[in-house]
Amino acid sequence: MGRYGADALRQWAATGAALGSDIMFSWNDVIAASRFQTKMWNIARFALIQLEKEGIDENAPITALADRWLLARLSDTVAAVSARMENYEFD
């Protein structure tokens, strides 16, 4: 955990298998999880920097078709992930 972090180990454990099934430990999977998390962290930092530069108009109406589509997909994803988390289906 010292080299790749506890979050990489947690991600490996959560995505490795369905609830109640056994999985073989693999450092390669932990390393892949660590690399994935690094990429996601970099994407988030980049997005936050861009939002700080341009600012956000929270009162602007959402009229663009692409914005409405993204919000609909986000809503569907939140519902699906929430249902799976409530059923302990982390994989």
PDB file of N, CA and C in Angstrom:
ATOM      1  N   MET A   1       0.813  -1.188   0.000  1.00  0.00           N
ATOM      2  CA  MET A   1       0.000   0.000   0.000  1.00  0.00           C
ATOM      3  C   MET A   1       0.856   1.251   0.000  1.00  0.00           C
ATOM      4  N   GLY A   2       2.052   1.149   0.542  1.00  0.00           N
ATOM      5  CA  GLY A   2       2.911   2.314   0.595  1.00  0.00           C
ATOM      6  C   GLY A   2       3.293   2.825  -0.776  1.00  0.00           C
ATOM      7  N   ARG A   3       3.457   1.929  -1.719  1.00  0.00           N
ATOM      8  CA  ARG A   3       3.904   2.334  -3.052  1.00  0.00           C
ATOM      9  C   ARG A   3       2.755   2.798  -3.947  1.00  0.00           C
ATOM     10  N   TYR A   4       1.624   2.101  -3.895  1.00  0.00           N
ATOM     11  CA  TYR A   4       0.524   2.400  -4.810  1.00  0.00           C
ATOM     12  C   TYR A   4      -0.682   3.034  -4.127  1.00  0.00           C
ATOM     13  N   GLY A   5      -0.709   3.023  -2.816  1.00  0.00           N
ATOM     14  CA  GLY A   5      -1.780   3.671  -2.077  1.00  0.00           C
ATOM     15  C   GLY A   5      -2.928   2.738  -1.738  1.00  0.00           C
ATOM     16  N   ALA A   6      -3.592   3.076  -0.664  1.00  0.00           N
ATOM     17  CA  ALA A   6      -4.715   2.273  -0.192  1.00  0.00           C
ATOM     18  C   ALA A   6      -5.886   2.331  -1.170  1.00  0.00           C
ATOM     19  N   ASP A   7      -6.058   3.466  -1.857  1.00  0.00           N
ATOM     20  CA  ASP A   7      -7.178   3.586  -2.787  1.00  0.00           C
ATOM     21  C   ASP A   7      -7.050   2.617  -3.961  1.00  0.00           C
ATOM     22  N   ALA A   8      -5.834   2.390  -4.428  1.00  0.00           N
ATOM     23  CA  ALA A   8      -5.633   1.428  -5.515  1.00  0.00           C
ATOM     24  C   ALA A   8      -5.984   0.020  -5.036  1.00  0.00           C
ATOM     25  N   LEU A   9      -5.619  -0.296  -3.814  1.00  0.00           N
ATOM     26  CA  LEU A   9      -5.964  -1.608  -3.256  1.00  0.00           C
ATOM     27  C   LEU A   9      -7.477  -1.725  -3.084  1.00  0.00           C
ATOM     28  N   ARG A  10      -8.115  -0.668  -2.617  1.00  0.00           N
ATOM     29  CA  ARG A  10      -9.571  -0.684  -2.461  1.00  0.00           C
ATOM     30  C   ARG A  10     -10.264  -0.854  -3.811  1.00  0.00           C
ATOM     31  N   GLN A  11      -9.760  -0.167  -4.822  1.00  0.00           N
ATOM     32  CA  GLN A  11     -10.367  -0.293  -6.141  1.00  0.00           C
ATOM     33  C   GLN A  11     -10.201  -1.709  -6.662  1.00  0.00           C
ATOM     34  N   TRP A  12      -9.024  -2.296  -6.482  1.00  0.00           N
ATOM     35  CA  TRP A  12      -8.809  -3.676  -6.908  1.00  0.00           C
ATOM     36  C   TRP A  12      -9.808  -4.599  -6.217  1.00  0.00           C
ATOM     37  N   ALA A  13      -9.987  -4.421  -4.915  1.00  0.00           N
ATOM     38  CA  ALA A  13     -10.866  -5.300  -4.155  1.00  0.00           C
ATOM     39  C   ALA A  13     -12.329  -5.104  -4.553  1.00  0.00           C
ATOM     40  N   ALA A  14     -12.721  -3.868  -4.807  1.00  0.00           N
ATOM     41  CA  ALA A  14     -14.119  -3.583  -5.124  1.00  0.00           C
ATOM     42  C   ALA A  14     -14.499  -4.020  -6.531  1.00  0.00           C
ATOM     43  N   THR A  15     -13.568  -3.959  -7.448  1.00  0.00           N
ATOM     44  CA  THR A  15     -13.901  -4.282  -8.838  1.00  0.00           C
ATOM     45  C   THR A  15     -13.478  -5.684  -9.234  1.00  0.00           C
ATOM     46  N   GLY A  16     -12.855  -6.401  -8.328  1.00  0.00           N
ATOM     47  CA  GLY A  16     -12.307  -7.711  -8.676  1.00  0.00           C
ATOM     48  C   GLY A  16     -13.320  -8.788  -8.917  1.00  0.00           C
ATOM     49  N   ALA A  17     -14.397  -8.803  -8.162  1.00  0.00           N
ATOM     50  CA  ALA A  17     -15.350  -9.900  -8.307  1.00  0.00           C
ATOM     51  C   ALA A  17     -16.671  -9.524  -7.664  1.00  0.00           C
ATOM     52  N   ALA A  18     -17.657 -10.345  -7.934  1.00  0.00           N
ATOM     53  CA  ALA A  18     -18.975 -10.144  -7.340  1.00  0.00           C
ATOM     54  C   ALA A  18     -18.930 -10.501  -5.858  1.00  0.00           C
ATOM     55  N   LEU A  19     -19.908 -10.021  -5.125  1.00  0.00           N
ATOM     56  CA  LEU A  19     -19.998 -10.253  -3.695  1.00  0.00           C
ATOM     57  C   LEU A  19     -19.987 -11.751  -3.383  1.00  0.00           C
ATOM     58  N   GLY A  20     -19.110 -12.147  -2.496  1.00  0.00           N
ATOM     59  CA  GLY A  20     -19.041 -13.534  -2.053  1.00  0.00           C
ATOM     60  C   GLY A  20     -18.128 -14.428  -2.865  1.00  0.00           C
ATOM     61  N   SER A  21     -17.556 -13.938  -3.948  1.00  0.00           N
ATOM     62  CA  SER A  21     -16.670 -14.778  -4.751  1.00  0.00           C
ATOM     63  C   SER A  21     -15.216 -14.480  -4.405  1.00  0.00           C
ATOM     64  N   ASP A  22     -14.382 -15.466  -4.582  1.00  0.00           N
ATOM     65  CA  ASP A  22     -12.957 -15.322  -4.302  1.00  0.00           C
ATOM     66  C   ASP A  22     -12.233 -14.801  -5.537  1.00  0.00           C
ATOM     67  N   ILE A  23     -11.189 -14.002  -5.300  1.00  0.00           N
ATOM     68  CA  ILE A  23     -10.370 -13.511  -6.398  1.00  0.00           C
ATOM     69  C   ILE A  23      -8.900 -13.683  -6.027  1.00  0.00           C
ATOM     70  N   MET A  24      -8.090 -13.881  -7.024  1.00  0.00           N
ATOM     71  CA  MET A  24      -6.653 -14.014  -6.816  1.00  0.00           C
ATOM     72  C   MET A  24      -6.033 -12.620  -6.749  1.00  0.00           C
ATOM     73  N   PHE A  25      -5.163 -12.425  -5.762  1.00  0.00           N
ATOM     74  CA  PHE A  25      -4.482 -11.145  -5.658  1.00  0.00           C
ATOM     75  C   PHE A  25      -3.449 -11.023  -6.760  1.00  0.00           C
ATOM     76  N   SER A  26      -3.373  -9.836  -7.350  1.00  0.00           N
ATOM     77  CA  SER A  26      -2.403  -9.573  -8.404  1.00  0.00           C
ATOM     78  C   SER A  26      -1.903  -8.143  -8.270  1.00  0.00           C
ATOM     79  N   TRP A  27      -0.594  -8.000  -8.111  1.00  0.00           N
ATOM     80  CA  TRP A  27      -0.028  -6.654  -8.046  1.00  0.00           C
ATOM     81  C   TRP A  27      -0.283  -5.896  -9.338  1.00  0.00           C
ATOM     82  N   ASN A  28      -0.322  -6.617 -10.462  1.00  0.00           N
ATOM     83  CA  ASN A  28      -0.576  -5.941 -11.741  1.00  0.00           C
ATOM     84  C   ASN A  28      -1.924  -5.239 -11.741  1.00  0.00           C
ATOM     85  N   ASP A  29      -2.928  -5.859 -11.115  1.00  0.00           N
ATOM     86  CA  ASP A  29      -4.243  -5.231 -11.036  1.00  0.00           C
ATOM     87  C   ASP A  29      -4.216  -4.002 -10.131  1.00  0.00           C
ATOM     88  N   VAL A  30      -3.464  -4.059  -9.042  1.00  0.00           N
ATOM     89  CA  VAL A  30      -3.333  -2.915  -8.139  1.00  0.00           C
ATOM     90  C   VAL A  30      -2.602  -1.777  -8.859  1.00  0.00           C
ATOM     91  N   ILE A  31      -1.574  -2.107  -9.600  1.00  0.00           N
ATOM     92  CA  ILE A  31      -0.824  -1.100 -10.365  1.00  0.00           C
ATOM     93  C   ILE A  31      -1.730  -0.453 -11.407  1.00  0.00           C
ATOM     94  N   ALA A  32      -2.531  -1.279 -12.099  1.00  0.00           N
ATOM     95  CA  ALA A  32      -3.463  -0.736 -13.098  1.00  0.00           C
ATOM     96  C   ALA A  32      -4.475   0.190 -12.441  1.00  0.00           C
ATOM     97  N   ALA A  33      -4.959  -0.175 -11.271  1.00  0.00           N
ATOM     98  CA  ALA A  33      -5.902   0.682 -10.543  1.00  0.00           C
ATOM     99  C   ALA A  33      -5.239   2.000 -10.162  1.00  0.00           C
ATOM    100  N   SER A  34      -3.994   1.942  -9.729  1.00  0.00           N
ATOM    101  CA  SER A  34      -3.267   3.152  -9.355  1.00  0.00           C
ATOM    102  C   SER A  34      -3.080   4.065 -10.561  1.00  0.00           C
ATOM    103  N   ARG A  35      -2.736   3.498 -11.686  1.00  0.00           N
ATOM    104  CA  ARG A  35      -2.563   4.300 -12.906  1.00  0.00           C
ATOM    105  C   ARG A  35      -3.882   4.917 -13.350  1.00  0.00           C
ATOM    106  N   PHE A  36      -4.959   4.146 -13.257  1.00  0.00           N
ATOM    107  CA  PHE A  36      -6.279   4.658 -13.611  1.00  0.00           C
ATOM    108  C   PHE A  36      -6.643   5.840 -12.718  1.00  0.00           C
ATOM    109  N   GLN A  37      -6.402   5.703 -11.426  1.00  0.00           N
ATOM    110  CA  GLN A  37      -6.728   6.778 -10.494  1.00  0.00           C
ATOM    111  C   GLN A  37      -5.888   8.020 -10.758  1.00  0.00           C
ATOM    112  N   THR A  38      -4.637   7.836 -11.132  1.00  0.00           N
ATOM    113  CA  THR A  38      -3.783   8.981 -11.472  1.00  0.00           C
ATOM    114  C   THR A  38      -4.342   9.713 -12.686  1.00  0.00           C
ATOM    115  N   LYS A  39      -4.785   8.957 -13.688  1.00  0.00           N
ATOM    116  CA  LYS A  39      -5.366   9.582 -14.881  1.00  0.00           C
ATOM    117  C   LYS A  39      -6.643  10.341 -14.530  1.00  0.00           C
ATOM    118  N   MET A  40      -7.488   9.733 -13.723  1.00  0.00           N
ATOM    119  CA  MET A  40      -8.728  10.395 -13.334  1.00  0.00           C
ATOM    120  C   MET A  40      -8.447  11.662 -12.529  1.00  0.00           C
ATOM    121  N   TRP A  41      -7.458  11.605 -11.643  1.00  0.00           N
ATOM    122  CA  TRP A  41      -7.086  12.777 -10.850  1.00  0.00           C
ATOM    123  C   TRP A  41      -6.610  13.905 -11.767  1.00  0.00           C
ATOM    124  N   ASN A  42      -5.796  13.566 -12.758  1.00  0.00           N
ATOM    125  CA  ASN A  42      -5.294  14.578 -13.695  1.00  0.00           C
ATOM    126  C   ASN A  42      -6.425  15.186 -14.521  1.00  0.00           C
ATOM    127  N   ILE A  43      -7.382  14.364 -14.936  1.00  0.00           N
ATOM    128  CA  ILE A  43      -8.531  14.872 -15.692  1.00  0.00           C
ATOM    129  C   ILE A  43      -9.336  15.828 -14.826  1.00  0.00           C
ATOM    130  N   ALA A  44      -9.579  15.452 -13.584  1.00  0.00           N
ATOM    131  CA  ALA A  44     -10.353  16.306 -12.676  1.00  0.00           C
ATOM    132  C   ALA A  44      -9.641  17.631 -12.422  1.00  0.00           C
ATOM    133  N   ARG A  45      -8.336  17.572 -12.202  1.00  0.00           N
ATOM    134  CA  ARG A  45      -7.581  18.811 -11.977  1.00  0.00           C
ATOM    135  C   ARG A  45      -7.641  19.715 -13.196  1.00  0.00           C
ATOM    136  N   PHE A  46      -7.474  19.135 -14.392  1.00  0.00           N
ATOM    137  CA  PHE A  46      -7.544  19.915 -15.627  1.00  0.00           C
ATOM    138  C   PHE A  46      -8.907  20.572 -15.768  1.00  0.00           C
ATOM    139  N   ALA A  47      -9.965  19.812 -15.535  1.00  0.00           N
ATOM    140  CA  ALA A  47     -11.317  20.354 -15.663  1.00  0.00           C
ATOM    141  C   ALA A  47     -11.543  21.486 -14.661  1.00  0.00           C
ATOM    142  N   LEU A  48     -11.094  21.316 -13.438  1.00  0.00           N
ATOM    143  CA  LEU A  48     -11.278  22.357 -12.430  1.00  0.00           C
ATOM    144  C   LEU A  48     -10.514  23.626 -12.787  1.00  0.00           C
ATOM    145  N   ILE A  49      -9.321  23.483 -13.331  1.00  0.00           N
ATOM    146  CA  ILE A  49      -8.545  24.653 -13.757  1.00  0.00           C
ATOM    147  C   ILE A  49      -9.276  25.394 -14.871  1.00  0.00           C
ATOM    148  N   GLN A  50      -9.839  24.650 -15.825  1.00  0.00           N
ATOM    149  CA  GLN A  50     -10.567  25.284 -16.930  1.00  0.00           C
ATOM    150  C   GLN A  50     -11.813  25.998 -16.424  1.00  0.00           C
ATOM    151  N   LEU A  51     -12.509  25.395 -15.469  1.00  0.00           N
ATOM    152  CA  LEU A  51     -13.706  26.024 -14.917  1.00  0.00           C
ATOM    153  C   LEU A  51     -13.361  27.293 -14.153  1.00  0.00           C
ATOM    154  N   GLU A  52     -12.216  27.298 -13.476  1.00  0.00           N
ATOM    155  CA  GLU A  52     -11.791  28.498 -12.749  1.00  0.00           C
ATOM    156  C   GLU A  52     -11.448  29.625 -13.718  1.00  0.00           C
ATOM    157  N   LYS A  53     -10.852  29.282 -14.846  1.00  0.00           N
ATOM    158  CA  LYS A  53     -10.486  30.296 -15.838  1.00  0.00           C
ATOM    159  C   LYS A  53     -11.715  30.950 -16.457  1.00  0.00           C
ATOM    160  N   GLU A  54     -12.680  30.145 -16.851  1.00  0.00           N
ATOM    161  CA  GLU A  54     -13.833  30.648 -17.580  1.00  0.00           C
ATOM    162  C   GLU A  54     -15.001  31.000 -16.676  1.00  0.00           C
ATOM    163  N   GLY A  55     -15.010  30.474 -15.490  1.00  0.00           N
ATOM    164  CA  GLY A  55     -16.116  30.734 -14.577  1.00  0.00           C
ATOM    165  C   GLY A  55     -17.352  29.953 -14.949  1.00  0.00           C
ATOM    166  N   ILE A  56     -18.297  29.931 -14.027  1.00  0.00           N
ATOM    167  CA  ILE A  56     -19.535  29.194 -14.236  1.00  0.00           C
ATOM    168  C   ILE A  56     -20.704  30.139 -13.987  1.00  0.00           C
ATOM    169  N   ASP A  57     -21.586  30.210 -14.942  1.00  0.00           N
ATOM    170  CA  ASP A  57     -22.807  30.987 -14.758  1.00  0.00           C
ATOM    171  C   ASP A  57     -23.893  30.022 -14.303  1.00  0.00           C
ATOM    172  N   GLU A  58     -24.111  29.957 -13.000  1.00  0.00           N
ATOM    173  CA  GLU A  58     -25.059  28.987 -12.443  1.00  0.00           C
ATOM    174  C   GLU A  58     -26.497  29.342 -12.757  1.00  0.00           C
ATOM    175  N   ASN A  59     -26.761  30.555 -13.194  1.00  0.00           N
ATOM    176  CA  ASN A  59     -28.121  30.973 -13.522  1.00  0.00           C
ATOM    177  C   ASN A  59     -28.438  30.820 -15.002  1.00  0.00           C
ATOM    178  N   ALA A  60     -27.476  30.395 -15.798  1.00  0.00           N
ATOM    179  CA  ALA A  60     -27.700  30.250 -17.231  1.00  0.00           C
ATOM    180  C   ALA A  60     -28.658  29.080 -17.478  1.00  0.00           C
ATOM    181  N   PRO A  61     -29.644  29.281 -18.340  1.00  0.00           N
ATOM    182  CA  PRO A  61     -30.582  28.193 -18.622  1.00  0.00           C
ATOM    183  C   PRO A  61     -29.900  27.088 -19.436  1.00  0.00           C
ATOM    184  N   ILE A  62     -30.333  25.885 -19.200  1.00  0.00           N
ATOM    185  CA  ILE A  62     -29.783  24.739 -19.932  1.00  0.00           C
ATOM    186  C   ILE A  62     -30.686  24.507 -21.135  1.00  0.00           C
ATOM    187  N   THR A  63     -30.242  24.999 -22.265  1.00  0.00           N
ATOM    188  CA  THR A  63     -31.059  24.914 -23.471  1.00  0.00           C
ATOM    189  C   THR A  63     -30.410  24.079 -24.566  1.00  0.00           C
ATOM    190  N   ALA A  64     -29.106  23.938 -24.535  1.00  0.00           N
ATOM    191  CA  ALA A  64     -28.424  23.192 -25.594  1.00  0.00           C
ATOM    192  C   ALA A  64     -28.813  21.715 -25.520  1.00  0.00           C
ATOM    193  N   LEU A  65     -29.042  21.144 -26.678  1.00  0.00           N
ATOM    194  CA  LEU A  65     -29.422  19.737 -26.754  1.00  0.00           C
ATOM    195  C   LEU A  65     -28.366  18.845 -26.093  1.00  0.00           C
ATOM    196  N   ALA A  66     -27.107  19.148 -26.326  1.00  0.00           N
ATOM    197  CA  ALA A  66     -26.031  18.345 -25.746  1.00  0.00           C
ATOM    198  C   ALA A  66     -26.046  18.417 -24.216  1.00  0.00           C
ATOM    199  N   ASP A  67     -26.328  19.594 -23.669  1.00  0.00           N
ATOM    200  CA  ASP A  67     -26.405  19.738 -22.212  1.00  0.00           C
ATOM    201  C   ASP A  67     -27.557  18.928 -21.638  1.00  0.00           C
ATOM    202  N   ARG A  68     -28.705  18.986 -22.279  1.00  0.00           N
ATOM    203  CA  ARG A  68     -29.856  18.217 -21.793  1.00  0.00           C
ATOM    204  C   ARG A  68     -29.579  16.721 -21.885  1.00  0.00           C
ATOM    205  N   TRP A  69     -28.922  16.284 -22.968  1.00  0.00           N
ATOM    206  CA  TRP A  69     -28.580  14.875 -23.129  1.00  0.00           C
ATOM    207  C   TRP A  69     -27.621  14.434 -22.029  1.00  0.00           C
ATOM    208  N   LEU A  70     -26.587  15.249 -21.762  1.00  0.00           N
ATOM    209  CA  LEU A  70     -25.622  14.909 -20.715  1.00  0.00           C
ATOM    210  C   LEU A  70     -26.288  14.812 -19.344  1.00  0.00           C
ATOM    211  N   LEU A  71     -27.176  15.744 -19.041  1.00  0.00           N
ATOM    212  CA  LEU A  71     -27.861  15.712 -17.747  1.00  0.00           C
ATOM    213  C   LEU A  71     -28.784  14.500 -17.626  1.00  0.00           C
ATOM    214  N   ALA A  72     -29.419  14.112 -18.716  1.00  0.00           N
ATOM    215  CA  ALA A  72     -30.258  12.907 -18.687  1.00  0.00           C
ATOM    216  C   ALA A  72     -29.411  11.665 -18.452  1.00  0.00           C
ATOM    217  N   ARG A  73     -28.274  11.582 -19.139  1.00  0.00           N
ATOM    218  CA  ARG A  73     -27.369  10.438 -18.933  1.00  0.00           C
ATOM    219  C   ARG A  73     -26.817  10.422 -17.516  1.00  0.00           C
ATOM    220  N   LEU A  74     -26.485  11.588 -16.982  1.00  0.00           N
ATOM    221  CA  LEU A  74     -25.997  11.686 -15.606  1.00  0.00           C
ATOM    222  C   LEU A  74     -27.056  11.192 -14.636  1.00  0.00           C
ATOM    223  N   SER A  75     -28.284  11.596 -14.834  1.00  0.00           N
ATOM    224  CA  SER A  75     -29.375  11.160 -13.964  1.00  0.00           C
ATOM    225  C   SER A  75     -29.543   9.644 -14.007  1.00  0.00           C
ATOM    226  N   ASP A  76     -29.487   9.059 -15.205  1.00  0.00           N
ATOM    227  CA  ASP A  76     -29.587   7.603 -15.340  1.00  0.00           C
ATOM    228  C   ASP A  76     -28.428   6.901 -14.642  1.00  0.00           C
ATOM    229  N   THR A  77     -27.231   7.448 -14.792  1.00  0.00           N
ATOM    230  CA  THR A  77     -26.046   6.853 -14.174  1.00  0.00           C
ATOM    231  C   THR A  77     -26.112   6.921 -12.658  1.00  0.00           C
ATOM    232  N   VAL A  78     -26.543   8.054 -12.126  1.00  0.00           N
ATOM    233  CA  VAL A  78     -26.669   8.202 -10.669  1.00  0.00           C
ATOM    234  C   VAL A  78     -27.668   7.184 -10.131  1.00  0.00           C
ATOM    235  N   ALA A  79     -28.785   6.999 -10.817  1.00  0.00           N
ATOM    236  CA  ALA A  79     -29.792   6.037 -10.369  1.00  0.00           C
ATOM    237  C   ALA A  79     -29.251   4.614 -10.408  1.00  0.00           C
ATOM    238  N   ALA A  80     -28.560   4.250 -11.490  1.00  0.00           N
ATOM    239  CA  ALA A  80     -28.027   2.895 -11.616  1.00  0.00           C
ATOM    240  C   ALA A  80     -26.942   2.616 -10.576  1.00  0.00           C
ATOM    241  N   VAL A  81     -26.027   3.557 -10.391  1.00  0.00           N
ATOM    242  CA  VAL A  81     -24.942   3.373  -9.424  1.00  0.00           C
ATOM    243  C   VAL A  81     -25.497   3.325  -8.005  1.00  0.00           C
ATOM    244  N   SER A  82     -26.444   4.175  -7.704  1.00  0.00           N
ATOM    245  CA  SER A  82     -27.045   4.188  -6.368  1.00  0.00           C
ATOM    246  C   SER A  82     -27.715   2.853  -6.059  1.00  0.00           C
ATOM    247  N   ALA A  83     -28.451   2.315  -7.028  1.00  0.00           N
ATOM    248  CA  ALA A  83     -29.117   1.024  -6.827  1.00  0.00           C
ATOM    249  C   ALA A  83     -28.105  -0.087  -6.589  1.00  0.00           C
ATOM    250  N   ARG A  84     -27.030  -0.090  -7.351  1.00  0.00           N
ATOM    251  CA  ARG A  84     -26.008  -1.133  -7.176  1.00  0.00           C
ATOM    252  C   ARG A  84     -25.280  -0.994  -5.866  1.00  0.00           C
ATOM    253  N   MET A  85     -24.983   0.233  -5.451  1.00  0.00           N
ATOM    254  CA  MET A  85     -24.312   0.440  -4.167  1.00  0.00           C
ATOM    255  C   MET A  85     -25.198  -0.017  -3.011  1.00  0.00           C
ATOM    256  N   GLU A  86     -26.495   0.247  -3.096  1.00  0.00           N
ATOM    257  CA  GLU A  86     -27.410  -0.181  -2.047  1.00  0.00           C
ATOM    258  C   GLU A  86     -27.497  -1.701  -1.950  1.00  0.00           C
ATOM    259  N   ASN A  87     -27.247  -2.390  -3.072  1.00  0.00           N
ATOM    260  CA  ASN A  87     -27.265  -3.849  -3.095  1.00  0.00           C
ATOM    261  C   ASN A  87     -25.871  -4.462  -2.908  1.00  0.00           C
ATOM    262  N   TYR A  88     -24.897  -3.629  -2.536  1.00  0.00           N
ATOM    263  CA  TYR A  88     -23.515  -4.062  -2.303  1.00  0.00           C
ATOM    264  C   TYR A  88     -22.891  -4.694  -3.548  1.00  0.00           C
ATOM    265  N   GLU A  89     -23.257  -4.208  -4.718  1.00  0.00           N
ATOM    266  CA  GLU A  89     -22.697  -4.692  -5.980  1.00  0.00           C
ATOM    267  C   GLU A  89     -21.619  -3.708  -6.433  1.00  0.00           C
ATOM    268  N   PHE A  90     -20.493  -3.744  -5.776  1.00  0.00           N
ATOM    269  CA  PHE A  90     -19.434  -2.782  -6.054  1.00  0.00           C
ATOM    270  C   PHE A  90     -18.683  -3.069  -7.339  1.00  0.00           C
ATOM    271  N   ASP A  91     -18.779  -4.278  -7.839  1.00  0.00           N
ATOM    272  CA  ASP A  91     -18.052  -4.624  -9.052  1.00  0.00           C
ATOM    273  C   ASP A  91     -18.798  -4.141 -10.269  1.00  0.00           C
TER     274      ASP A  91
END
